[in-house]
Amino acid sequence: MNKKKYMGLAVISAMMMLSVTAWATNEGPLTISADTLSYDGNTGRAEASGNVVITQQDKTMTGANGWYNTKTREASLEGGVSMIGDNMSMSAQSVHSVNDNQFSAEGDVHLQRDNRQIFGDSVEYNSDTEYGKVVGNAKLIAEGTTLTGNQVEGWLKEIRAVAQGGVTFNNPDKNVSGSADRATYTQTPNQNDGVVLLTGSAHAVQNGNVLNAPELKLYLKDNSAETLGGRSTLVITPN
């Protein structure tokens, strides 16, 4: 293995930093309004149709049609869904939440919290386990870095993210980009020791210098890279 002090890559795991939680009945009074609204006191299910607006504390959610069950704590909303909170927003074609702690969003999903964003065809998130999964045209944007793949998973508690399938990353501020079949990001909480492992046709470029290998391990703390898995190539562009 040959460690080359070659690039200062700052791949940021947006999924490690971004959490969006569906509305929950234990957060305070919940208000539902719509053009047509019905409620069954026996089952606890409220049906809403036409310009649905759901509000609770700082969150407002809108859509075309939906329902909410006060007993099972399950909800569904579809038709141009949007949710706006104090420091976050979400848009999708449909959203389904279960047990106040898990939600799934489908169709042109866009989540944003502060300056971090997630895009994808579908997104699942559990606020108890702090596990999230983005499937289909997955894209994460945070701290100037964009990470894309067919699928991205994140575990917030242990600070780990895995991107799979046609993975790319780009950070214009550090003039670095790359690609691989799979990328894994890990970091110790509250420590500047992030490590990015690119697996399968790993390729990285910074300031015109190119590094290709079966696997690349990038250490963010000391701006170094380690080639793994076999024969590698480093192409240095003269200044």
Protein backbone atom coordinates (compact mmCIF):
# COMPACT_ATOMS: atom_id res chain seq x y z
CA MET A 1 0.00 0.00 0.00
CA ASN A 2 1.34 3.38 -0.93
CA LYS A 3 0.08 6.45 0.85
CA LYS A 4 0.29 9.54 -1.36
CA LYS A 5 -0.14 12.98 0.22
CA TYR A 6 -1.99 14.11 -2.81
CA MET A 7 -5.38 15.61 -2.18
CA GLY A 8 -7.36 17.44 0.48
CA LEU A 9 -10.73 15.86 -0.15
CA ALA A 10 -13.64 17.08 1.99
CA VAL A 11 -16.50 14.74 1.12
CA ILE A 12 -19.25 15.69 3.54
CA SER A 13 -21.92 13.18 4.47
CA ALA A 14 -25.06 15.24 4.31
CA MET A 15 -27.13 12.34 5.53
CA MET A 16 -25.07 12.37 8.73
CA MET A 17 -26.15 15.93 9.38
CA LEU A 18 -29.64 16.11 7.96
CA SER A 19 -32.67 14.81 9.86
CA VAL A 20 -36.30 15.49 9.06
CA THR A 21 -38.98 14.23 11.42
CA ALA A 22 -42.63 13.89 10.55
CA TRP A 23 -45.21 15.69 12.65
CA ALA A 24 -46.17 13.91 15.88
CA THR A 25 -49.17 14.08 18.16
CA ASN A 26 -47.02 14.26 21.28
CA GLU A 27 -45.58 17.57 20.09
CA GLY A 28 -48.77 19.47 20.81
CA PRO A 29 -52.18 20.15 19.22
CA LEU A 30 -52.51 19.12 15.57
CA THR A 31 -54.86 21.01 13.24
CA ILE A 32 -56.21 19.66 9.93
CA SER A 33 -58.19 21.76 7.46
CA ALA A 34 -59.42 20.91 3.96
CA ASP A 35 -62.22 21.58 1.46
CA THR A 36 -63.84 18.32 2.59
CA LEU A 37 -63.12 16.81 6.01
CA SER A 38 -64.57 13.85 7.91
CA TYR A 39 -63.65 12.21 11.21
CA ASP A 40 -64.58 8.82 12.68
CA GLY A 41 -64.36 8.96 16.46
CA ASN A 42 -64.42 5.16 16.77
CA THR A 43 -61.46 4.48 14.49
CA GLY A 44 -59.73 7.82 15.07
CA ARG A 45 -59.30 8.37 11.34
CA ALA A 46 -59.68 11.80 9.76
CA GLU A 47 -60.12 11.97 5.96
CA ALA A 48 -59.21 15.21 4.20
CA SER A 49 -59.67 16.16 0.54
CA GLY A 50 -58.85 19.33 -1.36
CA ASN A 51 -56.25 21.90 -0.27
CA VAL A 52 -55.29 19.95 2.83
CA VAL A 53 -53.33 21.89 5.47
CA ILE A 54 -51.87 20.18 8.55
CA THR A 55 -50.20 22.32 11.21
CA GLN A 56 -48.46 21.54 14.48
CA GLN A 57 -46.11 23.82 16.38
CA ASP A 58 -43.64 25.19 13.80
CA LYS A 59 -44.53 22.72 11.02
CA THR A 60 -47.07 23.23 8.24
CA MET A 61 -47.78 20.47 5.73
CA THR A 62 -49.93 20.81 2.62
CA GLY A 63 -51.22 18.48 -0.09
CA ALA A 64 -54.20 17.56 -2.24
CA ASN A 65 -55.61 14.62 -0.25
CA GLY A 66 -54.75 12.72 2.88
CA TRP A 67 -55.74 11.06 6.12
CA TYR A 68 -54.55 10.90 9.71
CA ASN A 69 -55.32 8.33 12.42
CA THR A 70 -55.08 9.68 15.96
CA LYS A 71 -55.14 6.18 17.50
CA THR A 72 -52.56 4.44 15.32
CA ARG A 73 -50.47 7.61 14.81
CA GLU A 74 -50.28 6.96 11.09
CA ALA A 75 -50.74 9.53 8.35
CA SER A 76 -50.64 9.82 4.57
CA LEU A 77 -50.66 12.85 2.29
CA GLU A 78 -50.38 13.00 -1.50
CA GLY A 79 -50.56 15.43 -4.37
CA GLY A 80 -47.83 18.08 -4.44
CA VAL A 81 -46.91 17.61 -0.79
CA SER A 82 -44.84 20.25 0.97
CA MET A 83 -43.74 20.68 4.56
CA ILE A 84 -42.17 23.81 6.01
CA GLY A 85 -40.71 24.04 9.51
CA ASP A 86 -38.59 26.44 11.50
CA ASN A 87 -35.30 25.45 9.84
CA MET A 88 -36.31 22.81 7.30
CA SER A 89 -38.50 22.15 4.29
CA MET A 90 -39.62 19.16 2.25
CA SER A 91 -41.43 18.57 -1.03
CA ALA A 92 -42.60 15.29 -2.60
CA GLN A 93 -45.50 13.76 -4.46
CA SER A 94 -46.56 11.70 -1.43
CA VAL A 95 -45.58 11.24 2.22
CA HIS A 96 -46.49 8.45 4.65
CA SER A 97 -45.62 8.48 8.38
CA VAL A 98 -45.91 5.74 11.00
CA ASN A 99 -45.69 5.85 14.82
CA ASP A 100 -44.58 9.47 14.88
CA ASN A 101 -40.99 8.40 14.22
CA GLN A 102 -40.76 7.06 10.68
CA PHE A 103 -41.69 8.56 7.35
CA SER A 104 -41.32 7.70 3.69
CA ALA A 105 -41.56 10.21 0.87
CA GLU A 106 -41.99 9.36 -2.81
CA GLY A 107 -41.66 11.27 -6.08
CA ASP A 108 -39.16 14.08 -6.71
CA VAL A 109 -38.28 14.27 -3.03
CA HIS A 110 -36.35 17.33 -1.86
CA LEU A 111 -35.39 17.78 1.79
CA GLN A 112 -33.51 20.80 3.09
CA ARG A 113 -32.31 21.64 6.58
CA ASP A 114 -30.20 24.76 7.03
CA ASN A 115 -27.70 24.59 4.13
CA ARG A 116 -27.91 20.80 3.64
CA GLN A 117 -30.07 19.18 1.00
CA ILE A 118 -31.21 15.70 -0.09
CA PHE A 119 -32.79 14.80 -3.43
CA GLY A 120 -34.11 11.43 -4.61
CA ASP A 121 -36.96 9.40 -6.05
CA SER A 122 -37.78 8.04 -2.57
CA VAL A 123 -36.58 8.78 0.97
CA GLU A 124 -37.07 6.83 4.21
CA TYR A 125 -36.08 8.13 7.65
CA ASN A 126 -36.48 6.88 11.23
CA SER A 127 -35.96 9.49 13.94
CA ASP A 128 -35.42 6.88 16.70
CA THR A 129 -32.69 4.89 14.98
CA GLU A 130 -31.52 7.94 12.99
CA TYR A 131 -31.26 5.83 9.86
CA GLY A 132 -32.09 7.28 6.47
CA LYS A 133 -32.17 5.86 2.96
CA VAL A 134 -32.44 7.60 -0.41
CA VAL A 135 -33.16 5.47 -3.49
CA GLY A 136 -33.14 6.55 -7.11
CA ASN A 137 -31.23 9.58 -8.40
CA ALA A 138 -29.89 10.19 -4.89
CA LYS A 139 -28.06 13.45 -4.33
CA LEU A 140 -26.68 14.99 -1.14
CA ILE A 141 -25.42 18.57 -0.91
CA ALA A 142 -23.60 19.93 2.14
CA GLU A 143 -20.74 22.27 2.94
CA GLY A 144 -19.96 22.80 -0.74
CA THR A 145 -19.81 19.06 -1.55
CA THR A 146 -22.22 17.18 -3.81
CA LEU A 147 -22.46 13.37 -3.55
CA THR A 148 -24.61 11.36 -5.97
CA GLY A 149 -25.46 7.69 -6.46
CA ASN A 150 -28.27 5.31 -7.23
CA GLN A 151 -28.73 4.82 -3.47
CA VAL A 152 -27.43 6.51 -0.33
CA GLU A 153 -27.84 5.26 3.24
CA GLY A 154 -26.94 7.14 6.41
CA TRP A 155 -26.58 6.26 10.10
CA LEU A 156 -26.50 9.49 12.08
CA LYS A 157 -25.65 8.08 15.52
CA GLU A 158 -22.41 6.50 14.34
CA ILE A 159 -21.74 9.06 11.60
CA ARG A 160 -21.60 6.76 8.60
CA ALA A 161 -22.92 7.06 5.06
CA VAL A 162 -22.81 4.61 2.15
CA ALA A 163 -23.46 5.58 -1.49
CA GLN A 164 -23.82 2.88 -4.14
CA GLY A 165 -24.17 2.70 -7.91
CA GLY A 166 -22.52 5.24 -10.20
CA VAL A 167 -21.22 7.31 -7.29
CA THR A 168 -19.80 10.77 -7.97
CA PHE A 169 -18.63 13.59 -5.73
CA ASN A 170 -17.60 17.16 -6.35
CA ASN A 171 -16.30 20.01 -4.22
CA PRO A 172 -15.51 23.13 -6.30
CA ASP A 173 -14.06 25.00 -3.30
CA LYS A 174 -11.31 22.38 -2.98
CA ASN A 175 -11.13 21.81 -6.74
CA VAL A 176 -11.67 18.07 -6.25
CA SER A 177 -14.00 15.52 -7.82
CA GLY A 178 -14.19 11.77 -8.24
CA SER A 179 -16.24 8.66 -8.91
CA ALA A 180 -16.56 5.01 -7.89
CA ASP A 181 -19.03 2.14 -7.76
CA ARG A 182 -19.40 2.64 -4.00
CA ALA A 183 -18.37 5.21 -1.39
CA THR A 184 -18.35 4.90 2.42
CA TYR A 185 -17.87 7.87 4.74
CA THR A 186 -17.08 7.39 8.44
CA GLN A 187 -16.18 9.78 11.22
CA THR A 188 -15.80 9.72 15.01
CA PRO A 189 -18.36 12.06 16.60
CA ASN A 190 -16.88 15.48 17.40
CA GLN A 191 -13.55 14.52 15.82
CA ASN A 192 -11.86 15.76 12.64
CA ASP A 193 -11.00 12.25 11.43
CA GLY A 194 -13.30 11.69 8.47
CA VAL A 195 -12.37 8.83 6.12
CA VAL A 196 -13.80 8.22 2.64
CA LEU A 197 -13.42 4.78 1.06
CA LEU A 198 -14.03 4.64 -2.70
CA THR A 199 -14.51 1.08 -3.99
CA GLY A 200 -14.71 -0.20 -7.54
CA SER A 201 -13.06 1.77 -10.37
CA ALA A 202 -12.10 4.48 -7.88
CA HIS A 203 -11.12 7.73 -9.54
CA ALA A 204 -10.23 11.10 -7.99
CA VAL A 205 -8.99 14.39 -9.44
CA GLN A 206 -7.63 17.44 -7.64
CA ASN A 207 -5.90 20.44 -9.20
CA GLY A 208 -5.40 18.44 -12.38
CA ASN A 209 -3.74 15.47 -10.65
CA VAL A 210 -5.44 12.10 -11.22
CA LEU A 211 -5.41 8.98 -9.03
CA ASN A 212 -6.99 5.70 -10.23
CA ALA A 213 -7.15 2.46 -8.23
CA PRO A 214 -9.44 -0.48 -7.47
CA GLU A 215 -9.96 1.19 -4.07
CA LEU A 216 -8.99 4.54 -2.62
CA LYS A 217 -9.02 5.47 1.06
CA LEU A 218 -9.01 9.23 1.60
CA TYR A 219 -8.04 10.68 4.97
CA LEU A 220 -9.50 14.15 5.46
CA LYS A 221 -7.51 15.00 8.59
CA ASP A 222 -4.07 15.02 6.93
CA ASN A 223 -5.17 15.37 3.29
CA SER A 224 -3.73 12.04 2.20
CA ALA A 225 -4.84 9.09 0.08
CA GLU A 226 -4.06 5.37 0.24
CA THR A 227 -4.47 3.01 -2.72
CA LEU A 228 -5.87 -0.46 -2.05
CA GLY A 229 -6.75 -3.63 -3.92
CA GLY A 230 -4.09 -3.79 -6.63
CA ARG A 231 -2.29 -1.81 -9.29
CA SER A 232 -2.87 1.95 -9.15
CA THR A 233 -1.97 4.96 -11.27
CA LEU A 234 -1.09 8.51 -10.27
CA VAL A 235 -0.88 11.16 -12.98
CA ILE A 236 0.67 14.46 -11.84
CA THR A 237 0.05 17.56 -13.91
CA PRO A 238 2.99 20.03 -13.87
CA ASN A 239 2.20 23.45 -12.43
